[in-house]
Amino acid sequence: MKIRSGFVSNSSSSSFCILGIKLQSDRHIINIAKHIRDNNLMDFDWKSYEDIPNKLTETKSLLEEADNKFNEYINSYEYSEEVFDSLECIELSCKTDALRELYRRLENRYKNFAKDVVNAYIGSIDIENYGDVYIGKSISKMEPDQTMGEFRKEVAARLKFVEPEKLEILFGEVNR
């Protein structure tokens, strides 16, 4: 257990305390964004991001193909340093790495877009990503004369897709 007293000037951690929900993965926030889009719950410019899922699928397919070619090439030779120094091996390796990076960037762009959509839809709610995704409103934003029940209803009204009884007080410390 950590005990702090006074100001910590060089802390490598950050604490949070929200009333909200913890999502199991970024996939959940993407699914919430799809729900918002599919049910026309918000007017949003979807066009620039509509093709990202197709690009992700296509890139993943190309990456698997390149990985397989690279592995076939390596496995077709007995182990030797010359194999790894060959131009063909280097080209296959570079192609695989480039496709992996492209996939990662597309995936991040899609996740960030989903977070923007959900944030715009629910408004004044925090979306924190510390390995897990937390969506909620900071307890520090609760009005002084507001009861926890009123605060819970306010947050539930913003999170339109979550029942009030499913909201939890979530807190933790995140090392940065």
C-alpha atoms as a PDB file:
ATOM      1  CA  MET A   1       0.000   0.000   0.000  1.00  0.00           C
ATOM      2  CA  LYS A   2       1.322   3.437  -0.896  1.00  0.00           C
ATOM      3  CA  ILE A   3       0.887   6.332   1.488  1.00  0.00           C
ATOM      4  CA  ARG A   4       1.538   9.827   0.296  1.00  0.00           C
ATOM      5  CA  SER A   5       1.578  12.975   2.315  1.00  0.00           C
ATOM      6  CA  GLY A   6       1.935  16.368   0.752  1.00  0.00           C
ATOM      7  CA  PHE A   7       2.777  17.156  -2.829  1.00  0.00           C
ATOM      8  CA  VAL A   8       4.557  14.569  -4.944  1.00  0.00           C
ATOM      9  CA  SER A   9       6.445  16.440  -7.631  1.00  0.00           C
ATOM     10  CA  ASN A  10       7.894  13.614  -9.666  1.00  0.00           C
ATOM     11  CA  SER A  11       5.170  10.994  -9.543  1.00  0.00           C
ATOM     12  CA  SER A  12       5.036   8.467 -12.352  1.00  0.00           C
ATOM     13  CA  SER A  13       1.454   7.486 -11.590  1.00  0.00           C
ATOM     14  CA  SER A  14      -1.952   9.048 -11.929  1.00  0.00           C
ATOM     15  CA  SER A  15      -5.082   8.337  -9.911  1.00  0.00           C
ATOM     16  CA  PHE A  16      -8.651   8.391 -11.081  1.00  0.00           C
ATOM     17  CA  CYS A  17     -12.078   7.968  -9.512  1.00  0.00           C
ATOM     18  CA  ILE A  18     -15.120   7.905 -11.777  1.00  0.00           C
ATOM     19  CA  LEU A  19     -18.727   6.802 -11.776  1.00  0.00           C
ATOM     20  CA  GLY A  20     -19.028   4.738 -14.906  1.00  0.00           C
ATOM     21  CA  ILE A  21     -18.225   1.453 -16.543  1.00  0.00           C
ATOM     22  CA  LYS A  22     -15.089  -0.471 -17.389  1.00  0.00           C
ATOM     23  CA  LEU A  23     -15.038  -1.948 -20.856  1.00  0.00           C
ATOM     24  CA  GLN A  24     -13.206  -5.186 -21.409  1.00  0.00           C
ATOM     25  CA  SER A  25     -11.429  -3.941 -24.525  1.00  0.00           C
ATOM     26  CA  ASP A  26     -11.307  -1.309 -27.231  1.00  0.00           C
ATOM     27  CA  ARG A  27     -13.647  -3.567 -29.220  1.00  0.00           C
ATOM     28  CA  HIS A  28     -16.471  -2.572 -26.873  1.00  0.00           C
ATOM     29  CA  ILE A  29     -16.060   1.114 -27.614  1.00  0.00           C
ATOM     30  CA  ILE A  30     -15.986   0.338 -31.342  1.00  0.00           C
ATOM     31  CA  ASN A  31     -19.233  -1.622 -30.918  1.00  0.00           C
ATOM     32  CA  ILE A  32     -20.824   1.312 -29.069  1.00  0.00           C
ATOM     33  CA  ALA A  33     -19.803   3.641 -31.931  1.00  0.00           C
ATOM     34  CA  LYS A  34     -21.315   1.178 -34.447  1.00  0.00           C
ATOM     35  CA  HIS A  35     -24.528   1.113 -32.384  1.00  0.00           C
ATOM     36  CA  ILE A  36     -24.668   4.917 -32.482  1.00  0.00           C
ATOM     37  CA  ARG A  37     -24.127   4.873 -36.267  1.00  0.00           C
ATOM     38  CA  ASP A  38     -26.497   1.991 -37.053  1.00  0.00           C
ATOM     39  CA  ASN A  39     -29.324   3.515 -35.033  1.00  0.00           C
ATOM     40  CA  ASN A  40     -28.779   7.052 -36.383  1.00  0.00           C
ATOM     41  CA  LEU A  41     -28.425   8.345 -32.840  1.00  0.00           C
ATOM     42  CA  MET A  42     -26.154  11.174 -33.918  1.00  0.00           C
ATOM     43  CA  ASP A  43     -25.426  13.134 -37.060  1.00  0.00           C
ATOM     44  CA  PHE A  44     -21.751  12.489 -37.697  1.00  0.00           C
ATOM     45  CA  ASP A  45     -19.464  12.433 -40.737  1.00  0.00           C
ATOM     46  CA  TRP A  46     -18.993   8.672 -41.097  1.00  0.00           C
ATOM     47  CA  LYS A  47     -17.730   8.674 -44.703  1.00  0.00           C
ATOM     48  CA  SER A  48     -14.041   9.103 -44.001  1.00  0.00           C
ATOM     49  CA  TYR A  49     -14.044   6.132 -41.636  1.00  0.00           C
ATOM     50  CA  GLU A  50     -16.506   3.757 -43.275  1.00  0.00           C
ATOM     51  CA  ASP A  51     -13.784   1.947 -45.201  1.00  0.00           C
ATOM     52  CA  ILE A  52     -11.405   1.435 -42.249  1.00  0.00           C
ATOM     53  CA  PRO A  53     -12.877  -1.982 -41.278  1.00  0.00           C
ATOM     54  CA  ASN A  54     -12.439  -3.168 -44.882  1.00  0.00           C
ATOM     55  CA  LYS A  55      -8.882  -1.815 -44.975  1.00  0.00           C
ATOM     56  CA  LEU A  56      -8.145  -3.581 -41.675  1.00  0.00           C
ATOM     57  CA  THR A  57      -9.433  -6.887 -43.058  1.00  0.00           C
ATOM     58  CA  GLU A  58      -7.509  -6.455 -46.306  1.00  0.00           C
ATOM     59  CA  THR A  59      -4.296  -5.471 -44.506  1.00  0.00           C
ATOM     60  CA  LYS A  60      -4.605  -8.386 -42.080  1.00  0.00           C
ATOM     61  CA  SER A  61      -5.009 -10.772 -45.032  1.00  0.00           C
ATOM     62  CA  LEU A  62      -1.947  -9.311 -46.785  1.00  0.00           C
ATOM     63  CA  LEU A  63       0.021  -9.487 -43.540  1.00  0.00           C
ATOM     64  CA  GLU A  64      -0.852 -13.162 -43.014  1.00  0.00           C
ATOM     65  CA  GLU A  65       0.144 -13.898 -46.617  1.00  0.00           C
ATOM     66  CA  ALA A  66       3.477 -12.074 -46.226  1.00  0.00           C
ATOM     67  CA  ASP A  67       4.127 -13.810 -42.891  1.00  0.00           C
ATOM     68  CA  ASN A  68       3.459 -17.196 -44.495  1.00  0.00           C
ATOM     69  CA  LYS A  69       5.802 -16.440 -47.420  1.00  0.00           C
ATOM     70  CA  PHE A  70       8.512 -15.303 -45.023  1.00  0.00           C
ATOM     71  CA  ASN A  71       8.127 -18.445 -42.873  1.00  0.00           C
ATOM     72  CA  GLU A  72       8.104 -20.696 -45.955  1.00  0.00           C
ATOM     73  CA  TYR A  73      11.278 -19.032 -47.187  1.00  0.00           C
ATOM     74  CA  ILE A  74      13.026 -19.461 -43.837  1.00  0.00           C
ATOM     75  CA  ASN A  75      11.816 -23.044 -43.391  1.00  0.00           C
ATOM     76  CA  SER A  76      12.953 -24.051 -46.885  1.00  0.00           C
ATOM     77  CA  TYR A  77      16.595 -23.653 -45.856  1.00  0.00           C
ATOM     78  CA  GLU A  78      18.611 -25.198 -43.152  1.00  0.00           C
ATOM     79  CA  TYR A  79      19.490 -22.612 -40.567  1.00  0.00           C
ATOM     80  CA  SER A  80      22.376 -20.399 -41.593  1.00  0.00           C
ATOM     81  CA  GLU A  81      23.221 -16.743 -41.256  1.00  0.00           C
ATOM     82  CA  GLU A  82      23.369 -16.372 -45.055  1.00  0.00           C
ATOM     83  CA  VAL A  83      19.638 -17.075 -45.310  1.00  0.00           C
ATOM     84  CA  PHE A  84      18.818 -14.093 -43.129  1.00  0.00           C
ATOM     85  CA  ASP A  85      21.252 -11.852 -45.008  1.00  0.00           C
ATOM     86  CA  SER A  86      19.817 -12.637 -48.433  1.00  0.00           C
ATOM     87  CA  LEU A  87      18.038  -9.851 -50.302  1.00  0.00           C
ATOM     88  CA  GLU A  88      14.867 -11.926 -50.665  1.00  0.00           C
ATOM     89  CA  CYS A  89      14.707 -12.558 -46.924  1.00  0.00           C
ATOM     90  CA  ILE A  90      15.257  -8.880 -46.148  1.00  0.00           C
ATOM     91  CA  GLU A  91      12.535  -7.836 -48.627  1.00  0.00           C
ATOM     92  CA  LEU A  92      10.039 -10.318 -47.171  1.00  0.00           C
ATOM     93  CA  SER A  93      10.880  -9.201 -43.648  1.00  0.00           C
ATOM     94  CA  CYS A  94      10.508  -5.508 -44.546  1.00  0.00           C
ATOM     95  CA  LYS A  95       7.177  -6.115 -46.280  1.00  0.00           C
ATOM     96  CA  THR A  96       5.856  -8.006 -43.247  1.00  0.00           C
ATOM     97  CA  ASP A  97       7.011  -5.267 -40.864  1.00  0.00           C
ATOM     98  CA  ALA A  98       5.491  -2.526 -43.045  1.00  0.00           C
ATOM     99  CA  LEU A  99       2.142  -4.325 -43.214  1.00  0.00           C
ATOM    100  CA  ARG A 100       2.171  -4.916 -39.462  1.00  0.00           C
ATOM    101  CA  GLU A 101       2.794  -1.180 -38.880  1.00  0.00           C
ATOM    102  CA  LEU A 102       0.064  -0.216 -41.357  1.00  0.00           C
ATOM    103  CA  TYR A 103      -2.383  -2.520 -39.574  1.00  0.00           C
ATOM    104  CA  ARG A 104      -1.456  -1.058 -36.173  1.00  0.00           C
ATOM    105  CA  ARG A 105      -1.952   2.512 -37.426  1.00  0.00           C
ATOM    106  CA  LEU A 106      -5.305   1.717 -39.047  1.00  0.00           C
ATOM    107  CA  GLU A 107      -6.468  -0.023 -35.882  1.00  0.00           C
ATOM    108  CA  ASN A 108      -5.433   2.955 -33.720  1.00  0.00           C
ATOM    109  CA  ARG A 109      -7.152   5.369 -36.103  1.00  0.00           C
ATOM    110  CA  TYR A 110     -10.339   3.300 -35.889  1.00  0.00           C
ATOM    111  CA  LYS A 111     -10.204   3.087 -32.075  1.00  0.00           C
ATOM    112  CA  ASN A 112      -9.576   6.825 -31.746  1.00  0.00           C
ATOM    113  CA  PHE A 113     -12.423   7.574 -34.130  1.00  0.00           C
ATOM    114  CA  ALA A 114     -14.737   5.341 -32.079  1.00  0.00           C
ATOM    115  CA  LYS A 115     -13.710   7.165 -28.898  1.00  0.00           C
ATOM    116  CA  ASP A 116     -14.397  10.524 -30.567  1.00  0.00           C
ATOM    117  CA  VAL A 117     -17.854   9.343 -31.665  1.00  0.00           C
ATOM    118  CA  VAL A 118     -18.772   8.028 -28.232  1.00  0.00           C
ATOM    119  CA  ASN A 119     -17.373  11.135 -26.548  1.00  0.00           C
ATOM    120  CA  ALA A 120     -19.351  13.440 -28.867  1.00  0.00           C
ATOM    121  CA  TYR A 121     -22.510  11.399 -28.314  1.00  0.00           C
ATOM    122  CA  ILE A 122     -22.428  11.260 -24.541  1.00  0.00           C
ATOM    123  CA  GLY A 123     -20.719  14.616 -23.919  1.00  0.00           C
ATOM    124  CA  SER A 124     -18.839  15.711 -20.802  1.00  0.00           C
ATOM    125  CA  ILE A 125     -17.886  12.149 -19.983  1.00  0.00           C
ATOM    126  CA  ASP A 126     -14.329  10.973 -19.581  1.00  0.00           C
ATOM    127  CA  ILE A 127     -12.943   8.162 -21.679  1.00  0.00           C
ATOM    128  CA  GLU A 128      -9.702   6.952 -20.169  1.00  0.00           C
ATOM    129  CA  ASN A 129      -7.523   4.266 -21.667  1.00  0.00           C
ATOM    130  CA  TYR A 130      -5.022   2.708 -19.284  1.00  0.00           C
ATOM    131  CA  GLY A 131      -4.826  -0.694 -20.929  1.00  0.00           C
ATOM    132  CA  ASP A 132      -8.515  -1.019 -20.082  1.00  0.00           C
ATOM    133  CA  VAL A 133     -11.101   1.493 -21.234  1.00  0.00           C
ATOM    134  CA  TYR A 134     -13.116   3.396 -18.626  1.00  0.00           C
ATOM    135  CA  ILE A 135     -16.095   5.551 -19.531  1.00  0.00           C
ATOM    136  CA  GLY A 136     -17.639   7.736 -16.879  1.00  0.00           C
ATOM    137  CA  LYS A 137     -17.662  11.046 -15.110  1.00  0.00           C
ATOM    138  CA  SER A 138     -15.101  12.018 -12.535  1.00  0.00           C
ATOM    139  CA  ILE A 139     -16.423  12.097  -8.973  1.00  0.00           C
ATOM    140  CA  SER A 140     -14.651  15.459  -8.625  1.00  0.00           C
ATOM    141  CA  LYS A 141     -17.182  16.896 -11.100  1.00  0.00           C
ATOM    142  CA  MET A 142     -20.091  16.119  -8.747  1.00  0.00           C
ATOM    143  CA  GLU A 143     -21.799  19.306  -7.537  1.00  0.00           C
ATOM    144  CA  PRO A 144     -21.421  20.047  -3.783  1.00  0.00           C
ATOM    145  CA  ASP A 145     -25.181  19.840  -3.156  1.00  0.00           C
ATOM    146  CA  GLN A 146     -25.735  16.858  -5.454  1.00  0.00           C
ATOM    147  CA  THR A 147     -26.560  13.455  -3.967  1.00  0.00           C
ATOM    148  CA  MET A 148     -24.913  10.295  -5.279  1.00  0.00           C
ATOM    149  CA  GLY A 149     -28.326   9.189  -6.587  1.00  0.00           C
ATOM    150  CA  GLU A 150     -28.688  12.416  -8.588  1.00  0.00           C
ATOM    151  CA  PHE A 151     -25.139  12.114  -9.872  1.00  0.00           C
ATOM    152  CA  ARG A 152     -25.803   8.491 -10.901  1.00  0.00           C
ATOM    153  CA  LYS A 153     -28.924   9.575 -12.850  1.00  0.00           C
ATOM    154  CA  GLU A 154     -26.957  12.374 -14.539  1.00  0.00           C
ATOM    155  CA  VAL A 155     -24.196  10.019 -15.629  1.00  0.00           C
ATOM    156  CA  ALA A 156     -26.708   7.355 -16.749  1.00  0.00           C
ATOM    157  CA  ALA A 157     -28.534   9.982 -18.832  1.00  0.00           C
ATOM    158  CA  ARG A 158     -25.255  10.797 -20.565  1.00  0.00           C
ATOM    159  CA  LEU A 159     -24.309   7.164 -21.045  1.00  0.00           C
ATOM    160  CA  LYS A 160     -27.692   6.440 -22.662  1.00  0.00           C
ATOM    161  CA  PHE A 161     -26.652   2.852 -23.424  1.00  0.00           C
ATOM    162  CA  VAL A 162     -25.980   1.880 -19.768  1.00  0.00           C
ATOM    163  CA  GLU A 163     -28.597   1.165 -17.093  1.00  0.00           C
ATOM    164  CA  PRO A 164     -28.046   3.283 -13.931  1.00  0.00           C
ATOM    165  CA  GLU A 165     -27.638   0.202 -11.704  1.00  0.00           C
ATOM    166  CA  LYS A 166     -24.743  -1.009 -13.891  1.00  0.00           C
ATOM    167  CA  LEU A 167     -22.688   2.102 -13.115  1.00  0.00           C
ATOM    168  CA  GLU A 168     -19.893   1.587 -10.627  1.00  0.00           C
ATOM    169  CA  ILE A 169     -17.514   3.795  -8.749  1.00  0.00           C
ATOM    170  CA  LEU A 170     -14.205   2.890 -10.335  1.00  0.00           C
ATOM    171  CA  PHE A 171     -10.895   4.062  -9.016  1.00  0.00           C
ATOM    172  CA  GLY A 172      -7.323   3.153  -9.371  1.00  0.00           C
ATOM    173  CA  GLU A 173      -3.811   4.249  -9.876  1.00  0.00           C
ATOM    174  CA  VAL A 174      -2.131   4.048 -13.213  1.00  0.00           C
ATOM    175  CA  ASN A 175       1.615   3.990 -13.663  1.00  0.00           C
ATOM    176  CA  ARG A 176       2.713   6.100 -16.584  1.00  0.00           C
END
